[in-house]
C-alpha atoms as a PDB file:
ATOM      1  CA  MET A   1     120.232 102.100 105.592  1.00  0.00           C
ATOM      2  CA  SER A   2     118.176 101.317 108.801  1.00  0.00           C
ATOM      3  CA  ALA A   3     118.757  98.756 111.131  1.00  0.00           C
ATOM      4  CA  PRO A   4     116.514  95.665 110.952  1.00  0.00           C
ATOM      5  CA  ALA A   5     113.077  95.162 112.438  1.00  0.00           C
ATOM      6  CA  PRO A   6     113.691  94.353 116.374  1.00  0.00           C
ATOM      7  CA  GLN A   7     110.973  91.401 115.930  1.00  0.00           C
ATOM      8  CA  ILE A   8     113.744  89.987 113.655  1.00  0.00           C
ATOM      9  CA  GLY A   9     116.551  89.986 116.195  1.00  0.00           C
ATOM     10  CA  THR A  10     120.424  90.326 115.609  1.00  0.00           C
ATOM     11  CA  ALA A  11     122.439  88.826 112.663  1.00  0.00           C
ATOM     12  CA  ALA A  12     124.287  86.825 115.663  1.00  0.00           C
ATOM     13  CA  ALA A  13     120.918  85.129 116.015  1.00  0.00           C
ATOM     14  CA  PRO A  14     120.769  81.527 115.056  1.00  0.00           C
ATOM     15  CA  PRO A  15     118.713  80.557 112.323  1.00  0.00           C
ATOM     16  CA  ASP A  16     115.100  79.480 113.059  1.00  0.00           C
ATOM     17  CA  ALA A  17     114.035  76.388 111.899  1.00  0.00           C
ATOM     18  CA  ALA A  18     109.946  77.630 112.030  1.00  0.00           C
ATOM     19  CA  HIS A  19     110.096  80.590 109.785  1.00  0.00           C
ATOM     20  CA  VAL A  20     111.776  81.785 106.356  1.00  0.00           C
ATOM     21  CA  GLU A  21     113.670  84.489 107.722  1.00  0.00           C
ATOM     22  CA  LEU A  22     115.530  87.609 105.582  1.00  0.00           C
ATOM     23  CA  ARG A  23     117.712  89.958 107.434  1.00  0.00           C
ATOM     24  CA  GLY A  24     119.318  93.227 105.934  1.00  0.00           C
ATOM     25  CA  VAL A  25     118.705  91.764 102.318  1.00  0.00           C
ATOM     26  CA  SER A  26     120.123  93.897  99.808  1.00  0.00           C
ATOM     27  CA  LYS A  27     121.132  93.267  96.314  1.00  0.00           C
ATOM     28  CA  THR A  28     122.849  95.870  93.632  1.00  0.00           C
ATOM     29  CA  PHE A  29     123.077  94.879  89.581  1.00  0.00           C
ATOM     30  CA  ALA A  30     126.107  96.229  87.340  1.00  0.00           C
ATOM     31  CA  ALA A  31     125.142  98.080  84.188  1.00  0.00           C
ATOM     32  CA  PRO A  32     127.715 100.075  81.834  1.00  0.00           C
ATOM     33  CA  GLN A  33     128.677 102.651  83.852  1.00  0.00           C
ATOM     34  CA  ARG A  34     126.127 102.666  86.867  1.00  0.00           C
ATOM     35  CA  LEU A  35     125.102 100.810  89.769  1.00  0.00           C
ATOM     36  CA  ILE A  36     121.533  99.916  89.932  1.00  0.00           C
ATOM     37  CA  PRO A  37     120.176  99.063  93.543  1.00  0.00           C
ATOM     38  CA  ALA A  38     117.150  96.610  93.122  1.00  0.00           C
ATOM     39  CA  VAL A  39     116.350  95.597  96.998  1.00  0.00           C
ATOM     40  CA  ASP A  40     117.715  97.374 100.242  1.00  0.00           C
ATOM     41  CA  ASP A  41     117.323  95.870 103.756  1.00  0.00           C
ATOM     42  CA  VAL A  42     115.166  93.764 103.362  1.00  0.00           C
ATOM     43  CA  SER A  43     114.131  92.168 106.513  1.00  0.00           C
ATOM     44  CA  MET A  44     110.883  89.340 106.444  1.00  0.00           C
ATOM     45  CA  ARG A  45     110.067  86.914 108.979  1.00  0.00           C
ATOM     46  CA  VAL A  46     107.162  84.417 107.783  1.00  0.00           C
ATOM     47  CA  PRO A  47     106.123  81.123 109.554  1.00  0.00           C
ATOM     48  CA  ARG A  48     105.900  77.809 108.268  1.00  0.00           C
ATOM     49  CA  GLY A  49     102.872  76.942 106.629  1.00  0.00           C
ATOM     50  CA  ARG A  50     101.869  80.593 106.007  1.00  0.00           C
ATOM     51  CA  PHE A  51     100.788  81.914 102.757  1.00  0.00           C
ATOM     52  CA  VAL A  52     102.073  85.400 102.274  1.00  0.00           C
ATOM     53  CA  SER A  53     101.852  87.604  99.202  1.00  0.00           C
ATOM     54  CA  ILE A  54     104.273  90.112  98.288  1.00  0.00           C
ATOM     55  CA  ILE A  55     103.364  93.505  96.173  1.00  0.00           C
ATOM     56  CA  GLY A  56     104.647  96.899  94.422  1.00  0.00           C
ATOM     57  CA  LEU A  57     105.401  98.897  92.158  1.00  0.00           C
ATOM     58  CA  SER A  58     106.380  97.997  88.741  1.00  0.00           C
ATOM     59  CA  GLY A  59     110.477  97.270  89.313  1.00  0.00           C
ATOM     60  CA  CYS A  60     110.914  97.519  92.841  1.00  0.00           C
ATOM     61  CA  GLY A  61     112.484  94.183  93.000  1.00  0.00           C
ATOM     62  CA  LYS A  62     109.712  91.751  94.040  1.00  0.00           C
ATOM     63  CA  SER A  63     111.149  89.313  91.224  1.00  0.00           C
ATOM     64  CA  THR A  64     114.529  89.933  92.343  1.00  0.00           C
ATOM     65  CA  LEU A  65     113.907  89.097  96.046  1.00  0.00           C
ATOM     66  CA  LEU A  66     111.744  86.196  95.308  1.00  0.00           C
ATOM     67  CA  ARG A  67     114.866  84.627  93.241  1.00  0.00           C
ATOM     68  CA  ILE A  68     117.456  85.430  95.941  1.00  0.00           C
ATOM     69  CA  VAL A  69     115.016  83.398  98.456  1.00  0.00           C
ATOM     70  CA  ALA A  70     115.440  80.669  95.404  1.00  0.00           C
ATOM     71  CA  GLY A  71     119.088  80.789  96.001  1.00  0.00           C
ATOM     72  CA  LEU A  72     118.857  81.568  92.227  1.00  0.00           C
ATOM     73  CA  LEU A  73     120.750  85.121  93.156  1.00  0.00           C
ATOM     74  CA  ALA A  74     122.949  86.117  95.538  1.00  0.00           C
ATOM     75  CA  PRO A  75     122.584  88.957  98.058  1.00  0.00           C
ATOM     76  CA  ASP A  76     125.200  91.470  98.194  1.00  0.00           C
ATOM     77  CA  ALA A  77     124.421  91.857 101.819  1.00  0.00           C
ATOM     78  CA  GLY A  78     122.266  90.223 104.463  1.00  0.00           C
ATOM     79  CA  SER A  79     121.328  86.567 104.755  1.00  0.00           C
ATOM     80  CA  VAL A  80     118.264  84.467 104.134  1.00  0.00           C
ATOM     81  CA  SER A  81     117.463  81.393 106.199  1.00  0.00           C
ATOM     82  CA  ILE A  82     114.524  78.670 104.955  1.00  0.00           C
ATOM     83  CA  PHE A  83     113.960  76.782 108.164  1.00  0.00           C
ATOM     84  CA  GLY A  84     116.895  76.834 109.328  1.00  0.00           C
ATOM     85  CA  GLU A  85     118.754  76.084 105.933  1.00  0.00           C
ATOM     86  CA  THR A  86     120.598  78.759 103.557  1.00  0.00           C
ATOM     87  CA  PRO A  87     119.147  78.795  99.973  1.00  0.00           C
ATOM     88  CA  ALA A  88     121.606  76.778  98.081  1.00  0.00           C
ATOM     89  CA  ALA A  89     121.368  73.982 101.290  1.00  0.00           C
ATOM     90  CA  ALA A  90     117.645  74.036 100.504  1.00  0.00           C
ATOM     91  CA  SER A  91     117.437  74.300  96.859  1.00  0.00           C
ATOM     92  CA  ALA A  92     120.222  71.073  96.635  1.00  0.00           C
ATOM     93  CA  ALA A  93     118.005  68.921  99.128  1.00  0.00           C
ATOM     94  CA  LYS A  94     114.422  70.000  96.902  1.00  0.00           C
ATOM     95  CA  HIS A  95     113.106  71.995  99.536  1.00  0.00           C
ATOM     96  CA  ILE A  96     111.989  74.710  97.510  1.00  0.00           C
ATOM     97  CA  GLY A  97     109.722  74.713  94.806  1.00  0.00           C
ATOM     98  CA  PHE A  98     109.619  77.614  92.187  1.00  0.00           C
ATOM     99  CA  VAL A  99     107.105  78.887  89.761  1.00  0.00           C
ATOM    100  CA  PRO A 100     108.198  81.100  87.438  1.00  0.00           C
ATOM    101  CA  GLN A 101     106.215  83.868  85.242  1.00  0.00           C
ATOM    102  CA  THR A 102     106.203  81.633  82.132  1.00  0.00           C
ATOM    103  CA  PRO A 103     105.546  78.266  82.499  1.00  0.00           C
ATOM    104  CA  ALA A 104     108.611  76.415  80.751  1.00  0.00           C
ATOM    105  CA  LEU A 105     107.691  73.786  79.801  1.00  0.00           C
ATOM    106  CA  LEU A 106     109.065  70.978  77.373  1.00  0.00           C
ATOM    107  CA  PRO A 107     106.788  71.248  74.086  1.00  0.00           C
ATOM    108  CA  TRP A 108     107.487  67.521  73.177  1.00  0.00           C
ATOM    109  CA  ARG A 109     106.594  65.803  76.442  1.00  0.00           C
ATOM    110  CA  SER A 110     103.008  65.176  77.753  1.00  0.00           C
ATOM    111  CA  VAL A 111     102.006  67.042  80.728  1.00  0.00           C
ATOM    112  CA  PHE A 112     102.267  64.086  83.110  1.00  0.00           C
ATOM    113  CA  ASP A 113     105.828  63.730  81.997  1.00  0.00           C
ATOM    114  CA  ASN A 114     106.526  67.488  82.279  1.00  0.00           C
ATOM    115  CA  VAL A 115     105.801  67.008  85.774  1.00  0.00           C
ATOM    116  CA  ARG A 116     107.358  64.106  86.830  1.00  0.00           C
ATOM    117  CA  LEU A 117     110.072  65.228  84.694  1.00  0.00           C
ATOM    118  CA  ALA A 118     112.211  66.380  87.608  1.00  0.00           C
ATOM    119  CA  LEU A 119     111.677  63.338  89.436  1.00  0.00           C
ATOM    120  CA  GLN A 120     113.447  61.335  86.582  1.00  0.00           C
ATOM    121  CA  VAL A 121     116.299  63.887  86.004  1.00  0.00           C
ATOM    122  CA  ASN A 122     116.715  64.030  89.909  1.00  0.00           C
ATOM    123  CA  ALA A 123     116.149  60.339  91.122  1.00  0.00           C
ATOM    124  CA  GLY A 124     119.085  60.079  93.496  1.00  0.00           C
ATOM    125  CA  ALA A 125     117.772  63.405  95.397  1.00  0.00           C
ATOM    126  CA  ASN A 126     113.903  62.169  95.404  1.00  0.00           C
ATOM    127  CA  PRO A 127     112.386  62.354  99.212  1.00  0.00           C
ATOM    128  CA  PRO A 128     111.563  58.913 101.502  1.00  0.00           C
ATOM    129  CA  SER A 129     107.475  60.452 100.999  1.00  0.00           C
ATOM    130  CA  LEU A 130     108.491  59.678  97.083  1.00  0.00           C
ATOM    131  CA  ALA A 131     110.194  56.810  96.914  1.00  0.00           C
ATOM    132  CA  GLY A 132     108.924  54.045  94.500  1.00  0.00           C
ATOM    133  CA  ASP A 133     105.831  56.314  93.864  1.00  0.00           C
ATOM    134  CA  GLY A 134     106.729  59.552  92.092  1.00  0.00           C
ATOM    135  CA  ASP A 135     104.441  58.652  89.399  1.00  0.00           C
ATOM    136  CA  GLY A 136     101.627  58.224  92.280  1.00  0.00           C
ATOM    137  CA  ARG A 137     102.714  61.770  93.483  1.00  0.00           C
ATOM    138  CA  ALA A 138     102.264  63.446  89.834  1.00  0.00           C
ATOM    139  CA  ARG A 139      99.019  61.653  89.112  1.00  0.00           C
ATOM    140  CA  GLU A 140      97.703  62.865  92.645  1.00  0.00           C
ATOM    141  CA  LEU A 141      98.581  66.509  91.892  1.00  0.00           C
ATOM    142  CA  LEU A 142      97.164  66.658  88.196  1.00  0.00           C
ATOM    143  CA  GLU A 143      93.991  65.241  89.683  1.00  0.00           C
ATOM    144  CA  SER A 144      94.205  67.972  92.662  1.00  0.00           C
ATOM    145  CA  LEU A 145      94.575  70.554  90.091  1.00  0.00           C
ATOM    146  CA  GLY A 146      92.175  69.836  87.846  1.00  0.00           C
ATOM    147  CA  LEU A 147      94.767  68.584  84.910  1.00  0.00           C
ATOM    148  CA  ALA A 148      93.915  64.531  85.124  1.00  0.00           C
ATOM    149  CA  SER A 149      91.872  64.619  81.818  1.00  0.00           C
ATOM    150  CA  ALA A 150      95.030  66.788  80.216  1.00  0.00           C
ATOM    151  CA  ARG A 151      98.194  64.444  81.465  1.00  0.00           C
ATOM    152  CA  ASP A 152      98.489  62.888  77.706  1.00  0.00           C
ATOM    153  CA  LEU A 153      98.296  66.342  75.782  1.00  0.00           C
ATOM    154  CA  ARG A 154     101.252  68.350  74.826  1.00  0.00           C
ATOM    155  CA  PRO A 155     102.056  72.113  76.167  1.00  0.00           C
ATOM    156  CA  ARG A 156     100.772  73.610  73.163  1.00  0.00           C
ATOM    157  CA  GLN A 157      96.991  71.797  73.496  1.00  0.00           C
ATOM    158  CA  LEU A 158      97.059  73.292  76.559  1.00  0.00           C
ATOM    159  CA  SER A 159      95.225  77.344  77.401  1.00  0.00           C
ATOM    160  CA  GLY A 160      97.769  79.521  79.348  1.00  0.00           C
ATOM    161  CA  GLY A 161      95.847  78.637  82.931  1.00  0.00           C
ATOM    162  CA  MET A 162      96.444  75.010  82.349  1.00  0.00           C
ATOM    163  CA  GLN A 163     100.071  75.388  81.253  1.00  0.00           C
ATOM    164  CA  GLN A 164     100.436  77.221  84.756  1.00  0.00           C
ATOM    165  CA  ARG A 165      98.996  74.319  86.613  1.00  0.00           C
ATOM    166  CA  THR A 166     100.808  71.953  85.278  1.00  0.00           C
ATOM    167  CA  ALA A 167     103.894  74.318  86.073  1.00  0.00           C
ATOM    168  CA  LEU A 168     102.528  74.370  89.437  1.00  0.00           C
ATOM    169  CA  ALA A 169     101.934  70.750  89.659  1.00  0.00           C
ATOM    170  CA  ARG A 170     105.935  70.309  88.533  1.00  0.00           C
ATOM    171  CA  ALA A 171     107.108  72.453  91.575  1.00  0.00           C
ATOM    172  CA  LEU A 172     104.905  70.808  93.954  1.00  0.00           C
ATOM    173  CA  VAL A 173     106.239  67.028  93.057  1.00  0.00           C
ATOM    174  CA  PHE A 174     109.228  67.032  94.794  1.00  0.00           C
ATOM    175  CA  ASP A 175     106.828  67.883  98.358  1.00  0.00           C
ATOM    176  CA  PRO A 176     108.897  70.986  98.598  1.00  0.00           C
ATOM    177  CA  SER A 177     108.995  72.683 102.375  1.00  0.00           C
ATOM    178  CA  ILE A 178     108.169  76.442 100.333  1.00  0.00           C
ATOM    179  CA  LEU A 179     106.664  77.443  97.586  1.00  0.00           C
ATOM    180  CA  LEU A 180     108.043  80.491  95.581  1.00  0.00           C
ATOM    181  CA  MET A 181     105.571  81.781  92.836  1.00  0.00           C
ATOM    182  CA  ASP A 182     106.367  85.182  90.430  1.00  0.00           C
ATOM    183  CA  GLU A 183     103.411  86.599  89.379  1.00  0.00           C
ATOM    184  CA  PRO A 184     101.717  83.103  87.909  1.00  0.00           C
ATOM    185  CA  PHE A 185      98.674  84.117  86.851  1.00  0.00           C
ATOM    186  CA  SER A 186      99.471  87.613  85.327  1.00  0.00           C
ATOM    187  CA  ALA A 187      98.561  86.652  81.500  1.00  0.00           C
ATOM    188  CA  LEU A 188      95.452  85.020  82.236  1.00  0.00           C
ATOM    189  CA  ASP A 189      92.336  86.918  82.116  1.00  0.00           C
ATOM    190  CA  GLU A 190      90.380  88.284  85.166  1.00  0.00           C
ATOM    191  CA  ILE A 191      87.639  85.131  85.603  1.00  0.00           C
ATOM    192  CA  THR A 192      90.334  82.707  84.840  1.00  0.00           C
ATOM    193  CA  ARG A 193      93.108  84.112  86.990  1.00  0.00           C
ATOM    194  CA  GLU A 194      90.232  83.859  89.821  1.00  0.00           C
ATOM    195  CA  GLU A 195      89.600  80.054  88.971  1.00  0.00           C
ATOM    196  CA  HIS A 196      93.157  79.026  89.326  1.00  0.00           C
ATOM    197  CA  GLY A 197      93.594  81.081  92.617  1.00  0.00           C
ATOM    198  CA  ARG A 198      90.867  78.975  93.751  1.00  0.00           C
ATOM    199  CA  HIS A 199      92.695  75.338  92.407  1.00  0.00           C
ATOM    200  CA  LEU A 200      95.657  77.265  94.501  1.00  0.00           C
ATOM    201  CA  LEU A 201      93.734  77.937  97.596  1.00  0.00           C
ATOM    202  CA  ARG A 202      92.616  74.063  97.670  1.00  0.00           C
ATOM    203  CA  VAL A 203      96.011  72.842  96.857  1.00  0.00           C
ATOM    204  CA  TRP A 204      97.506  74.999  99.335  1.00  0.00           C
ATOM    205  CA  GLU A 205      95.032  73.524 101.767  1.00  0.00           C
ATOM    206  CA  GLN A 206      95.825  70.011 101.304  1.00  0.00           C
ATOM    207  CA  HIS A 207      98.994  70.667 101.348  1.00  0.00           C
ATOM    208  CA  GLN A 208     100.169  73.307 103.685  1.00  0.00           C
ATOM    209  CA  LYS A 209     102.852  74.794 102.157  1.00  0.00           C
ATOM    210  CA  THR A 210     104.516  77.877 103.048  1.00  0.00           C
ATOM    211  CA  VAL A 211     104.151  79.875  99.695  1.00  0.00           C
ATOM    212  CA  LEU A 212     105.654  83.500  98.473  1.00  0.00           C
ATOM    213  CA  PHE A 213     103.521  84.636  95.798  1.00  0.00           C
ATOM    214  CA  VAL A 214     104.588  88.144  94.029  1.00  0.00           C
ATOM    215  CA  THR A 215     101.844  89.791  92.782  1.00  0.00           C
ATOM    216  CA  HIS A 216     100.401  92.761  90.846  1.00  0.00           C
ATOM    217  CA  SER A 217      97.064  92.335  92.377  1.00  0.00           C
ATOM    218  CA  ILE A 218      95.487  93.829  95.332  1.00  0.00           C
ATOM    219  CA  THR A 219      92.644  91.835  94.913  1.00  0.00           C
ATOM    220  CA  GLU A 220      94.264  88.371  94.501  1.00  0.00           C
ATOM    221  CA  ALA A 221      96.969  89.389  97.146  1.00  0.00           C
ATOM    222  CA  VAL A 222      94.072  89.615  99.707  1.00  0.00           C
ATOM    223  CA  VAL A 223      92.058  86.742  98.815  1.00  0.00           C
ATOM    224  CA  LEU A 224      95.164  84.197  98.886  1.00  0.00           C
ATOM    225  CA  SER A 225      97.069  85.343 101.342  1.00  0.00           C
ATOM    226  CA  ASP A 226      97.553  85.247 105.094  1.00  0.00           C
ATOM    227  CA  ALA A 227      99.628  88.515 105.329  1.00  0.00           C
ATOM    228  CA  VAL A 228     100.749  90.830 102.702  1.00  0.00           C
ATOM    229  CA  TYR A 229     104.166  92.762 102.502  1.00  0.00           C
ATOM    230  CA  VAL A 230     104.365  95.703 100.731  1.00  0.00           C
ATOM    231  CA  MET A 231     107.302  96.761  98.928  1.00  0.00           C
ATOM    232  CA  SER A 232     108.580 100.705  98.497  1.00  0.00           C
ATOM    233  CA  ALA A 233     109.796 101.861  94.740  1.00  0.00           C
ATOM    234  CA  ALA A 234     113.030 100.880  93.776  1.00  0.00           C
ATOM    235  CA  PRO A 235     115.464 100.171  95.507  1.00  0.00           C
ATOM    236  CA  GLY A 236     112.751  98.047  97.477  1.00  0.00           C
ATOM    237  CA  THR A 237     112.719  97.777 100.584  1.00  0.00           C
ATOM    238  CA  ILE A 238     109.215  97.058 102.996  1.00  0.00           C
ATOM    239  CA  GLN A 239     106.743  99.504 102.765  1.00  0.00           C
ATOM    240  CA  ALA A 240     104.235  98.036 105.534  1.00  0.00           C
ATOM    241  CA  MET A 241     102.933  94.229 106.065  1.00  0.00           C
ATOM    242  CA  VAL A 242      99.016  94.180 106.099  1.00  0.00           C
ATOM    243  CA  PRO A 243      97.767  91.156 108.201  1.00  0.00           C
ATOM    244  CA  VAL A 244      94.838  89.515 106.287  1.00  0.00           C
ATOM    245  CA  ASP A 245      92.549  88.090 109.212  1.00  0.00           C
ATOM    246  CA  LEU A 246      90.052  87.025 107.155  1.00  0.00           C
ATOM    247  CA  PRO A 247      88.475  83.455 107.876  1.00  0.00           C
ATOM    248  CA  ARG A 248      89.898  80.230 105.965  1.00  0.00           C
ATOM    249  CA  PRO A 249      88.652  78.619 104.077  1.00  0.00           C
ATOM    250  CA  ARG A 250      87.913  81.871 101.906  1.00  0.00           C
ATOM    251  CA  GLN A 251      84.555  81.558 100.688  1.00  0.00           C
ATOM    252  CA  GLU A 252      84.102  83.115  96.963  1.00  0.00           C
ATOM    253  CA  GLY A 253      82.066  85.669  98.245  1.00  0.00           C
ATOM    254  CA  VAL A 254      84.559  87.198 100.480  1.00  0.00           C
ATOM    255  CA  ALA A 255      85.651  89.904  97.635  1.00  0.00           C
ATOM    256  CA  SER A 256      82.383  91.589  98.387  1.00  0.00           C
ATOM    257  CA  THR A 257      82.798  91.749 102.382  1.00  0.00           C
ATOM    258  CA  ALA A 258      83.252  95.266 104.010  1.00  0.00           C
ATOM    259  CA  ALA A 259      86.196  93.167 105.564  1.00  0.00           C
ATOM    260  CA  PHE A 260      87.803  92.282 102.490  1.00  0.00           C
ATOM    261  CA  HIS A 261      87.365  96.089 100.677  1.00  0.00           C
ATOM    262  CA  GLU A 262      88.987  97.719 104.313  1.00  0.00           C
ATOM    263  CA  LEU A 263      92.357  95.596 103.235  1.00  0.00           C
ATOM    264  CA  GLU A 264      91.926  96.565  99.752  1.00  0.00           C
ATOM    265  CA  ASP A 265      91.481 100.175 100.240  1.00  0.00           C
ATOM    266  CA  ARG A 266      94.540  99.804 102.873  1.00  0.00           C
ATOM    267  CA  LEU A 267      97.111  98.564 100.597  1.00  0.00           C
ATOM    268  CA  ARG A 268      96.223 101.157  98.124  1.00  0.00           C
ATOM    269  CA  SER A 269      97.023 103.942 100.422  1.00  0.00           C
ATOM    270  CA  GLU A 270     100.574 102.001 101.007  1.00  0.00           C
ATOM    271  CA  LEU A 271     100.976 101.834  97.197  1.00  0.00           C
ATOM    272  CA  ARG A 272     100.114 105.091  96.708  1.00  0.00           C
ATOM    273  CA  LYS A 273     102.724 106.184  99.624  1.00  0.00           C
ATOM    274  CA  ALA A 274     105.469 103.606  97.610  1.00  0.00           C
ATOM    275  CA  ARG A 275     104.613 105.631  94.582  1.00  0.00           C
ATOM    276  CA  GLU A 276     105.261 109.304  96.201  1.00  0.00           C
ATOM    277  CA  GLY A 277     107.987 107.854  98.246  1.00  0.00           C
ATOM    278  CA  ARG A 278     106.951 108.544 102.021  1.00  0.00           C
ATOM    279  CA  GLY A 279     105.263 106.423 104.878  1.00  0.00           C
ATOM    280  CA  GLY A 280     107.826 103.393 104.365  1.00  0.00           C
ATOM    281  CA  THR A 281     109.519 101.848 107.181  1.00  0.00           C
ATOM    282  CA  ARG A 282     112.908 100.622 105.861  1.00  0.00           C
ATOM    283  CA  ALA A 283     112.862  97.601 108.065  1.00  0.00           C
ATOM    284  CA  GLY A 284     110.843  94.586 107.816  1.00  0.00           C
ATOM    285  CA  GLY A 285     107.697  93.031 110.150  1.00  0.00           C
ATOM    286  CA  ALA A 286     107.346  89.515 112.107  1.00  0.00           C
ATOM    287  CA  GLU A 287     104.182  88.064 110.298  1.00  0.00           C
ATOM    288  CA  GLY A 288     102.197  85.787 112.387  1.00  0.00           C
END
């Protein structure tokens, strides 16, 4: 293992309340008669309010890393700080919103009732900003995500994309500090995926959440992000961090510009290096 990137500081440094910070994070899973390293010595530093994507080859540990940040898995080594809190503390305080690959909506509840379910179950944990008006927050999110007319429908009556937007609204209803998204649009066709990416950007621009977004799509990563982290082949570490210096708000024609194509080409080059097992830094970098 290599030492963490110098930008991140030493392990003894206090947690940074302005950043999401991973220091030397590693995770290995036990299988019959062998151990399977998933992620190895991953270090990242993401400023508050940034939209950051993570891409990499299948099986490189992207989802594992996201679950460690969410507090759903404990790392075997290293540490995670979410604006100065541990993942466990941030999760308990409802500072983390998580959107999985599948929406996991309750089929007997309407769209509106699925979104406000977490507020009902965790009524004592509602932040002061939602005091007395959790339902208003749910309605606002459905409106911003283009779901106001579907609020009384059941999940079976929704398209796959509408189900994912409902899951996004559910993740945002507690007004979390950080939003973790694990390939939420991977099952959608290209046109629908682009449409839902635009919905997500509008919500992000409105609420300025810090987003960690796992995707296999280079184009999607460039359209959405302020920076893209490329992970190496398993066990995953940071191959490269590529800043996305495109103006915001992102215009619909941005994907046809020369600057956009240059970024796509650079990310493809980094992914080829990852597949060939060369060129990785074995350490993370500071974004922003």
